[in-house]
Amino acid sequence: MESIQKKGKFVLILMALIYLFDQRIGDWSAVNAAGFIAFCIALFFLKATSERTGKVKKNWIYLLLAIIAYSSTAYLLNDQCSVELKGALSLTLLCIAFYILGDGNFGEFVRSRFFSNFVMLLASSFVILNYVGITPFRSDRNSGLFFEASHLAIYLLPFLAYRHLKSKKDLITWMTTLIMLVFSSSTTLIVGLLIIFVIKFIKRYNRRLIIASSAAALIVGALIGILLSGAIDAPELRARVINLFIGGDASAADHENLSSLVWLNGWSQMTETLRLTNGIGLGFNQMGCGNFMYVGKYTALISDAILGIILNAEDGSFMSSKLVSELGFLGFLIIAFLLIKAWRALFKFIRVEAGMRQPDTYDVLIRASGAICLIGLLFVRAPGSYFSLPVYAAMSMLFSNQLIRSNRIRKNSESSPT
């Protein structure tokens, strides 16, 4: 990726614009993955003039083949949904995604101050323009370039996580954070920032890890208590917490809070789909096919609230719901694997010594930032598709330099004396 950094500001601006307009490109083209495809094509041409750094490791190829085989079986066993072209095309895109993950580390873009400053400042500018009513884009709750405030948070979280974890005196990062909190706040943003600052707190006192972790847990518990008391004006977040822990009847939910209903419905969609498919799932990217569009105990409430439209039937609002609904018990295993990798990345960041060499420190920081983003995507909010750039960013950062077998290392090992 060093060659990308050397290609100048024009290239970085181009890649940043593709990233920021990911959702708009998908909307204009009527293909959700269009932004991801455009980014992959641009990245491919950028790398065409330099030597590929390595080959995707065999273990990842085996995982890819397992997903393809499992999904093909699920397609055949599911008699309520026909094998759609969408499923076959999605598996093809998945192969491309694995190739791109092995060839480009999004962390290199995040590390570039020019790239990250451009992304944060342009996104913040459109939020303010949206607030004063002069933006050309249709958006919800002053989310600027994005369809929802939660999507804005998802797209900026890789940059906020990296910059906040790296420094506590980053003016542009703090300014972006404050603009989002004031003009385009969301549960996703609040949870993401909470994770970031809890990790920073624990790292600050890493020599007393048990005490620091306990203190962090108490702080989180106190915040939840304050939230439930109504002292903080955050009705969406409060509704989600109450419904999640109390588990009341669907009719008792906040009917006016569609964001909370959709998130709660994601859990219900996941469990019902798992039960109806006997734990097998619907196959890769097949969530919501056929009559499975209507599963979920909150689906009727959501449909009634917006004149018969069913929201998030194909993605479950967050990635864990989609993974389990489509890959069944294999989805649980993938989630467990991702959480283990995320925990290890965060733990290593917490315990890393300040005196480490810069490349090592950077790699640990990038993986920890990717871990925070992935946790948010898995359990809080996802942009709707596996093939969206925040998903690529989180996976690429978390598995920084772990997806490929370096050509340079292989050559050195082959030339070393035996």
Protein backbone atom coordinates (compact mmCIF):
# COMPACT_ATOMS: atom_id res chain seq x y z
CA MET A 1 0.00 0.00 0.00
CA GLU A 2 3.02 2.31 0.13
CA SER A 3 2.57 2.93 -3.62
CA ILE A 4 -0.94 4.26 -2.99
CA GLN A 5 0.37 6.77 -0.47
CA LYS A 6 2.88 8.00 -3.07
CA LYS A 7 0.32 8.60 -5.82
CA GLY A 8 -0.63 12.02 -4.48
CA LYS A 9 -3.59 13.90 -3.09
CA PHE A 10 -5.74 13.55 -6.22
CA VAL A 11 -5.86 9.77 -5.82
CA LEU A 12 -6.60 10.04 -2.10
CA ILE A 13 -9.43 12.50 -2.81
CA LEU A 14 -10.86 10.15 -5.44
CA MET A 15 -10.83 7.19 -3.05
CA ALA A 16 -12.28 9.33 -0.25
CA LEU A 17 -15.14 10.49 -2.48
CA ILE A 18 -15.97 6.90 -3.44
CA TYR A 19 -16.00 6.02 0.26
CA LEU A 20 -18.21 8.95 1.24
CA PHE A 21 -20.62 8.49 -1.67
CA ASP A 22 -20.85 4.71 -1.24
CA GLN A 23 -24.55 4.79 -0.34
CA ARG A 24 -25.40 7.42 -2.95
CA ILE A 25 -23.66 5.44 -5.69
CA GLY A 26 -25.70 2.40 -4.69
CA ASP A 27 -28.90 4.45 -4.69
CA TRP A 28 -28.24 6.06 -8.07
CA SER A 29 -27.29 2.77 -9.72
CA ALA A 30 -29.97 0.69 -7.91
CA VAL A 31 -27.18 -1.77 -6.97
CA ASN A 32 -26.28 -1.80 -3.26
CA ALA A 33 -22.75 -3.04 -3.91
CA ALA A 34 -21.97 -0.46 -6.62
CA GLY A 35 -19.86 1.72 -4.30
CA PHE A 36 -17.88 -1.30 -3.10
CA ILE A 37 -17.32 -2.43 -6.70
CA ALA A 38 -16.16 1.07 -7.70
CA PHE A 39 -13.73 1.15 -4.77
CA CYS A 40 -12.40 -2.32 -5.69
CA ILE A 41 -11.89 -1.29 -9.32
CA ALA A 42 -10.05 1.88 -8.28
CA LEU A 43 -7.91 -0.07 -5.83
CA PHE A 44 -7.15 -2.69 -8.49
CA PHE A 45 -5.87 -0.07 -10.94
CA LEU A 46 -3.86 1.63 -8.22
CA LYS A 47 -2.15 -1.65 -7.42
CA ALA A 48 -1.68 -2.61 -11.08
CA THR A 49 1.59 -0.70 -11.29
CA SER A 50 3.10 -2.34 -8.21
CA GLU A 51 3.88 -5.90 -7.22
CA ARG A 52 1.19 -7.69 -5.26
CA THR A 53 2.38 -8.06 -1.66
CA GLY A 54 1.43 -11.71 -1.31
CA LYS A 55 -1.18 -14.40 -1.72
CA VAL A 56 -4.29 -15.01 0.34
CA LYS A 57 -3.54 -17.62 2.99
CA LYS A 58 -4.97 -21.09 2.50
CA ASN A 59 -7.03 -20.95 5.71
CA TRP A 60 -9.00 -18.01 4.33
CA ILE A 61 -9.52 -19.79 1.03
CA TYR A 62 -10.88 -22.78 2.96
CA LEU A 63 -13.28 -20.47 4.83
CA LEU A 64 -14.45 -18.97 1.54
CA LEU A 65 -15.04 -22.44 0.06
CA ALA A 66 -16.90 -23.50 3.22
CA ILE A 67 -19.26 -20.52 2.95
CA ILE A 68 -19.88 -21.25 -0.74
CA ALA A 69 -20.55 -24.95 -0.11
CA TYR A 70 -22.74 -24.27 2.93
CA SER A 71 -24.75 -21.61 1.10
CA SER A 72 -25.26 -23.83 -1.93
CA THR A 73 -26.63 -26.55 0.34
CA ALA A 74 -28.91 -24.07 2.13
CA TYR A 75 -30.22 -22.82 -1.22
CA LEU A 76 -31.20 -26.36 -2.20
CA LEU A 77 -32.72 -27.31 1.17
CA ASN A 78 -34.85 -24.19 1.47
CA ASP A 79 -38.09 -24.92 -0.38
CA GLN A 80 -39.70 -21.56 0.49
CA CYS A 81 -37.23 -19.47 -1.50
CA SER A 82 -36.03 -20.15 -5.01
CA VAL A 83 -32.32 -20.00 -5.73
CA GLU A 84 -32.07 -16.36 -6.75
CA LEU A 85 -29.54 -14.74 -9.05
CA LYS A 86 -28.75 -12.45 -6.12
CA GLY A 87 -27.29 -15.38 -4.18
CA ALA A 88 -24.99 -16.49 -6.99
CA LEU A 89 -23.81 -12.95 -7.69
CA SER A 90 -23.22 -12.38 -3.98
CA LEU A 91 -20.95 -15.42 -3.77
CA THR A 92 -19.00 -14.09 -6.75
CA LEU A 93 -18.65 -10.71 -5.03
CA LEU A 94 -17.52 -12.51 -1.88
CA CYS A 95 -14.63 -14.05 -3.83
CA ILE A 96 -13.68 -10.58 -5.07
CA ALA A 97 -13.92 -9.22 -1.52
CA PHE A 98 -11.49 -11.86 -0.24
CA TYR A 99 -9.06 -10.99 -3.03
CA ILE A 100 -9.27 -7.27 -2.26
CA LEU A 101 -8.89 -7.88 1.49
CA GLY A 102 -5.71 -9.77 0.72
CA ASP A 103 -4.39 -7.02 -1.53
CA GLY A 104 -5.19 -3.77 0.22
CA ASN A 105 -5.23 -2.61 3.84
CA PHE A 106 -7.78 0.15 4.40
CA GLY A 107 -5.76 1.08 7.47
CA GLU A 108 -3.28 2.78 5.16
CA PHE A 109 -6.02 5.19 4.11
CA VAL A 110 -7.11 5.71 7.72
CA ARG A 111 -3.51 6.40 8.73
CA SER A 112 -3.21 9.12 6.08
CA ARG A 113 -4.04 12.40 7.83
CA PHE A 114 -4.96 13.99 4.52
CA PHE A 115 -7.41 11.20 3.65
CA SER A 116 -9.01 11.02 7.10
CA ASN A 117 -9.18 14.82 7.47
CA PHE A 118 -10.84 15.09 4.05
CA VAL A 119 -13.42 12.42 4.93
CA MET A 120 -14.27 13.87 8.35
CA LEU A 121 -14.39 17.51 7.25
CA LEU A 122 -16.49 16.87 4.13
CA ALA A 123 -18.92 14.62 6.03
CA SER A 124 -19.22 17.23 8.81
CA SER A 125 -19.76 20.02 6.27
CA PHE A 126 -22.69 18.18 4.71
CA VAL A 127 -24.18 17.55 8.17
CA ILE A 128 -24.17 21.30 8.83
CA LEU A 129 -25.55 22.04 5.34
CA ASN A 130 -28.28 19.49 6.01
CA TYR A 131 -29.05 21.21 9.32
CA VAL A 132 -29.49 24.64 7.71
CA GLY A 133 -31.54 23.12 4.89
CA ILE A 134 -29.35 23.71 1.84
CA THR A 135 -28.01 20.22 1.12
CA PRO A 136 -28.92 18.69 -2.26
CA PHE A 137 -29.25 15.21 -0.76
CA ARG A 138 -32.23 13.57 0.88
CA SER A 139 -31.24 12.36 4.34
CA ASP A 140 -32.64 11.63 7.76
CA ARG A 141 -31.87 13.67 10.88
CA ASN A 142 -29.10 15.84 9.42
CA SER A 143 -27.02 12.87 8.26
CA GLY A 144 -25.62 14.74 5.27
CA LEU A 145 -24.32 12.39 2.57
CA PHE A 146 -25.84 9.34 4.24
CA PHE A 147 -29.40 8.05 4.52
CA GLU A 148 -29.46 7.87 8.33
CA ALA A 149 -27.56 9.34 11.26
CA SER A 150 -26.51 5.83 12.28
CA HIS A 151 -25.00 5.29 8.83
CA LEU A 152 -23.00 8.50 9.18
CA ALA A 153 -21.60 7.15 12.45
CA ILE A 154 -20.75 3.78 10.86
CA TYR A 155 -18.82 5.36 7.99
CA LEU A 156 -16.84 7.72 10.22
CA LEU A 157 -16.17 5.27 13.06
CA PRO A 158 -12.93 3.84 11.53
CA PHE A 159 -11.44 7.33 11.50
CA LEU A 160 -12.81 8.41 14.87
CA ALA A 161 -11.60 5.19 16.52
CA TYR A 162 -8.09 5.42 15.08
CA ARG A 163 -7.61 9.12 15.76
CA HIS A 164 -9.12 9.08 19.27
CA LEU A 165 -7.09 6.02 20.28
CA LYS A 166 -3.92 7.55 18.86
CA SER A 167 -4.16 11.00 20.43
CA LYS A 168 -6.29 12.91 22.92
CA LYS A 169 -5.42 16.29 21.38
CA ASP A 170 -6.61 15.82 17.80
CA LEU A 171 -8.57 19.01 17.06
CA ILE A 172 -10.23 17.88 13.81
CA THR A 173 -11.33 14.58 15.34
CA TRP A 174 -12.86 16.30 18.37
CA MET A 175 -14.55 18.89 16.16
CA THR A 176 -16.05 16.13 13.97
CA THR A 177 -17.21 14.24 17.06
CA LEU A 178 -18.89 17.33 18.53
CA ILE A 179 -20.60 18.21 15.24
CA MET A 180 -22.02 14.69 15.02
CA LEU A 181 -23.15 14.69 18.65
CA VAL A 182 -24.85 18.08 18.35
CA PHE A 183 -26.36 17.93 14.86
CA SER A 184 -26.61 14.22 13.97
CA SER A 185 -26.50 12.15 17.14
CA SER A 186 -27.45 8.48 17.08
CA THR A 187 -27.33 5.41 19.28
CA THR A 188 -24.64 3.98 16.99
CA LEU A 189 -22.45 7.04 17.51
CA ILE A 190 -22.93 7.02 21.29
CA VAL A 191 -22.16 3.31 21.61
CA GLY A 192 -19.13 3.61 19.31
CA LEU A 193 -17.69 6.52 21.28
CA LEU A 194 -18.44 4.73 24.55
CA ILE A 195 -16.42 1.70 23.43
CA ILE A 196 -13.54 3.94 22.28
CA PHE A 197 -13.29 5.84 25.56
CA VAL A 198 -13.74 2.75 27.74
CA ILE A 199 -10.82 1.14 25.88
CA LYS A 200 -8.76 4.32 26.35
CA PHE A 201 -9.62 4.35 30.05
CA ILE A 202 -8.61 0.72 30.52
CA LYS A 203 -5.36 1.26 28.60
CA ARG A 204 -4.56 4.29 30.74
CA TYR A 205 -4.58 2.03 33.80
CA ASN A 206 -3.43 -1.19 32.13
CA ARG A 207 -1.01 -1.99 34.97
CA ARG A 208 -4.06 -2.46 37.16
CA LEU A 209 -6.15 -4.16 34.50
CA ILE A 210 -8.68 -5.81 36.83
CA ILE A 211 -9.32 -2.57 38.73
CA ALA A 212 -9.55 -0.58 35.50
CA SER A 213 -11.93 -3.08 33.91
CA SER A 214 -14.13 -3.07 37.01
CA ALA A 215 -14.16 0.72 37.08
CA ALA A 216 -15.07 0.82 33.39
CA ALA A 217 -17.93 -1.64 34.01
CA LEU A 218 -19.20 0.55 36.85
CA ILE A 219 -19.07 3.62 34.62
CA VAL A 220 -21.01 1.84 31.87
CA GLY A 221 -23.54 0.60 34.45
CA ALA A 222 -23.94 4.09 35.85
CA LEU A 223 -24.50 5.51 32.37
CA ILE A 224 -27.17 2.88 31.67
CA GLY A 225 -28.83 3.73 34.99
CA ILE A 226 -28.82 7.44 34.20
CA LEU A 227 -30.18 6.66 30.75
CA LEU A 228 -33.06 4.58 32.10
CA SER A 229 -33.89 7.25 34.66
CA GLY A 230 -34.65 9.71 31.86
CA ALA A 231 -32.03 12.23 33.00
CA ILE A 232 -30.48 12.08 29.52
CA ASP A 233 -32.74 12.96 26.60
CA ALA A 234 -32.00 9.90 24.45
CA PRO A 235 -35.36 8.19 23.79
CA GLU A 236 -34.05 5.85 21.09
CA LEU A 237 -31.28 4.40 23.21
CA ARG A 238 -33.53 4.18 26.28
CA ALA A 239 -36.22 2.32 24.31
CA ARG A 240 -33.70 -0.22 23.05
CA VAL A 241 -32.24 -0.89 26.49
CA ILE A 242 -35.67 -1.24 28.13
CA ASN A 243 -37.05 -3.57 25.46
CA LEU A 244 -33.86 -5.63 25.33
CA PHE A 245 -33.56 -6.28 29.07
CA ILE A 246 -37.23 -6.33 30.04
CA GLY A 247 -38.34 -8.25 26.95
CA GLY A 248 -41.89 -6.91 27.03
CA ASP A 249 -44.63 -7.62 24.55
CA ALA A 250 -44.17 -6.15 21.09
CA SER A 251 -47.25 -4.01 21.56
CA ALA A 252 -45.55 -2.26 24.50
CA ALA A 253 -42.67 -1.02 22.37
CA ASP A 254 -42.26 2.60 21.38
CA HIS A 255 -44.25 2.67 18.13
CA GLU A 256 -42.84 6.05 17.14
CA ASN A 257 -39.25 4.93 17.50
CA LEU A 258 -38.70 3.02 14.26
CA SER A 259 -34.94 2.81 14.73
CA SER A 260 -35.36 0.95 18.01
CA LEU A 261 -38.11 -1.27 16.60
CA VAL A 262 -35.97 -2.23 13.62
CA TRP A 263 -33.02 -3.09 15.88
CA LEU A 264 -35.17 -5.17 18.22
CA ASN A 265 -36.78 -6.84 15.24
CA GLY A 266 -33.35 -7.91 14.02
CA TRP A 267 -33.00 -10.23 17.02
CA SER A 268 -36.48 -11.62 16.44
CA GLN A 269 -35.83 -12.11 12.71
CA MET A 270 -32.65 -14.00 13.53
CA THR A 271 -34.24 -16.42 16.02
CA GLU A 272 -37.36 -17.05 13.93
CA THR A 273 -35.40 -17.67 10.73
CA LEU A 274 -33.06 -20.01 12.58
CA ARG A 275 -36.04 -21.95 13.95
CA LEU A 276 -37.91 -22.14 10.64
CA THR A 277 -34.82 -23.39 8.78
CA ASN A 278 -33.87 -25.91 11.50
CA GLY A 279 -30.62 -24.09 12.16
CA ILE A 280 -29.42 -24.22 8.55
CA GLY A 281 -30.21 -20.67 7.47
CA LEU A 282 -31.27 -19.31 4.10
CA GLY A 283 -27.90 -19.17 2.36
CA PHE A 284 -25.47 -16.32 1.81
CA ASN A 285 -27.20 -12.96 1.23
CA GLN A 286 -30.67 -14.54 1.09
CA MET A 287 -32.16 -13.04 4.26
CA GLY A 288 -35.74 -11.89 3.74
CA CYS A 289 -36.38 -14.03 0.67
CA GLY A 290 -39.94 -15.23 0.00
CA ASN A 291 -42.19 -15.38 3.04
CA PHE A 292 -39.20 -14.86 5.33
CA MET A 293 -39.66 -11.15 4.66
CA TYR A 294 -42.48 -11.21 7.22
CA VAL A 295 -40.72 -12.92 10.13
CA GLY A 296 -40.05 -10.97 13.33
CA LYS A 297 -42.48 -10.02 16.08
CA TYR A 298 -42.04 -6.29 15.42
CA THR A 299 -42.46 -6.53 11.64
CA ALA A 300 -46.21 -5.81 11.74
CA LEU A 301 -45.67 -2.74 13.94
CA ILE A 302 -43.00 -1.41 11.59
CA SER A 303 -45.19 -2.05 8.55
CA ASP A 304 -48.20 -0.33 10.13
CA ALA A 305 -46.11 2.69 11.07
CA ILE A 306 -44.94 3.42 7.52
CA LEU A 307 -47.90 2.46 5.32
CA GLY A 308 -47.07 -1.18 4.71
CA ILE A 309 -43.34 -0.85 4.05
CA ILE A 310 -41.14 -3.43 5.81
CA LEU A 311 -37.75 -2.07 6.83
CA ASN A 312 -34.52 -4.08 7.04
CA ALA A 313 -36.13 -7.38 6.02
CA GLU A 314 -32.96 -8.32 4.13
CA ASP A 315 -30.31 -7.25 6.63
CA GLY A 316 -31.79 -7.43 10.13
CA SER A 317 -30.39 -3.99 11.01
CA PHE A 318 -27.07 -5.40 12.29
CA MET A 319 -24.64 -7.94 10.88
CA SER A 320 -25.03 -10.71 13.45
CA SER A 321 -28.73 -10.99 12.62
CA LYS A 322 -27.93 -11.30 8.93
CA LEU A 323 -25.09 -13.81 9.41
CA VAL A 324 -27.11 -16.19 11.57
CA SER A 325 -30.26 -15.86 9.45
CA GLU A 326 -28.30 -16.81 6.34
CA LEU A 327 -25.61 -19.19 7.59
CA GLY A 328 -27.36 -20.72 10.59
CA PHE A 329 -25.00 -22.33 13.09
CA LEU A 330 -22.05 -21.62 10.80
CA GLY A 331 -22.95 -17.96 11.27
CA PHE A 332 -22.60 -18.37 15.05
CA LEU A 333 -19.14 -19.86 14.55
CA ILE A 334 -18.09 -16.98 12.28
CA ILE A 335 -19.35 -14.42 14.81
CA ALA A 336 -17.47 -16.20 17.63
CA PHE A 337 -14.28 -16.22 15.52
CA LEU A 338 -14.61 -12.51 14.73
CA LEU A 339 -15.25 -11.64 18.38
CA ILE A 340 -12.19 -13.61 19.50
CA LYS A 341 -10.04 -11.78 16.95
CA ALA A 342 -11.55 -8.44 18.01
CA TRP A 343 -10.95 -9.14 21.71
CA ARG A 344 -7.34 -10.17 21.05
CA ALA A 345 -6.74 -6.99 19.05
CA LEU A 346 -8.20 -4.79 21.80
CA PHE A 347 -6.35 -6.65 24.56
CA LYS A 348 -3.05 -6.30 22.70
CA PHE A 349 -3.68 -2.58 22.26
CA ILE A 350 -4.44 -2.20 25.96
CA ARG A 351 -1.25 -4.01 26.97
CA VAL A 352 1.10 -2.60 24.32
CA GLU A 353 4.09 -0.75 25.71
CA ALA A 354 4.53 2.90 24.84
CA GLY A 355 8.15 2.28 23.85
CA MET A 356 7.38 -0.15 21.05
CA ARG A 357 8.75 0.51 17.58
CA GLN A 358 6.45 2.69 15.44
CA PRO A 359 5.46 0.03 12.84
CA ASP A 360 4.40 -2.36 15.59
CA THR A 361 2.47 0.36 17.41
CA TYR A 362 0.70 1.36 14.20
CA ASP A 363 -0.32 -2.21 13.39
CA VAL A 364 -1.74 -2.75 16.88
CA LEU A 365 -3.61 0.56 16.72
CA ILE A 366 -5.13 -0.19 13.31
CA ARG A 367 -6.33 -3.64 14.42
CA ALA A 368 -7.85 -2.24 17.61
CA SER A 369 -9.70 0.41 15.59
CA GLY A 370 -10.97 -2.28 13.22
CA ALA A 371 -12.11 -4.35 16.20
CA ILE A 372 -14.22 -1.47 17.55
CA CYS A 373 -15.81 -0.94 14.13
CA LEU A 374 -16.56 -4.64 13.71
CA ILE A 375 -18.21 -4.90 17.14
CA GLY A 376 -20.44 -1.98 16.18
CA LEU A 377 -21.35 -3.60 12.86
CA LEU A 378 -22.08 -6.97 14.46
CA PHE A 379 -24.35 -5.80 17.26
CA VAL A 380 -25.36 -2.15 16.88
CA ARG A 381 -25.91 -1.16 13.26
CA ALA A 382 -24.77 -2.20 9.81
CA PRO A 383 -25.34 -0.32 6.54
CA GLY A 384 -27.39 -3.18 5.08
CA SER A 385 -24.97 -5.08 2.87
CA TYR A 386 -21.87 -7.18 3.37
CA PHE A 387 -20.51 -5.31 0.36
CA SER A 388 -20.45 -1.85 1.87
CA LEU A 389 -17.25 0.03 2.49
CA PRO A 390 -17.53 0.21 6.33
CA VAL A 391 -17.63 -3.61 6.43
CA TYR A 392 -14.60 -3.78 4.14
CA ALA A 393 -12.83 -1.14 6.26
CA ALA A 394 -13.46 -2.96 9.56
CA MET A 395 -12.41 -6.38 8.22
CA SER A 396 -9.36 -5.00 6.44
CA MET A 397 -8.20 -3.12 9.53
CA LEU A 398 -8.85 -5.95 12.00
CA PHE A 399 -7.02 -8.49 9.85
CA SER A 400 -4.29 -6.07 8.82
CA ASN A 401 -1.50 -8.07 7.12
CA GLN A 402 -2.97 -11.35 8.40
CA LEU A 403 -4.88 -12.37 5.27
CA ILE A 404 -1.85 -12.73 3.04
CA ARG A 405 1.31 -14.78 2.94
CA SER A 406 4.02 -12.28 2.10
CA ASN A 407 5.99 -12.95 -1.09
CA ARG A 408 9.01 -11.31 0.50
CA ILE A 409 8.92 -13.63 3.51
CA ARG A 410 8.52 -16.66 1.28
CA LYS A 411 11.49 -15.63 -0.87
CA ASN A 412 13.67 -15.09 2.19
CA SER A 413 12.73 -18.48 3.64
CA GLU A 414 13.45 -20.17 0.32
CA SER A 415 16.88 -18.56 0.03
CA SER A 416 17.93 -19.15 3.65
CA PRO A 417 20.42 -22.00 4.23
CA THR A 418 19.08 -25.29 5.59
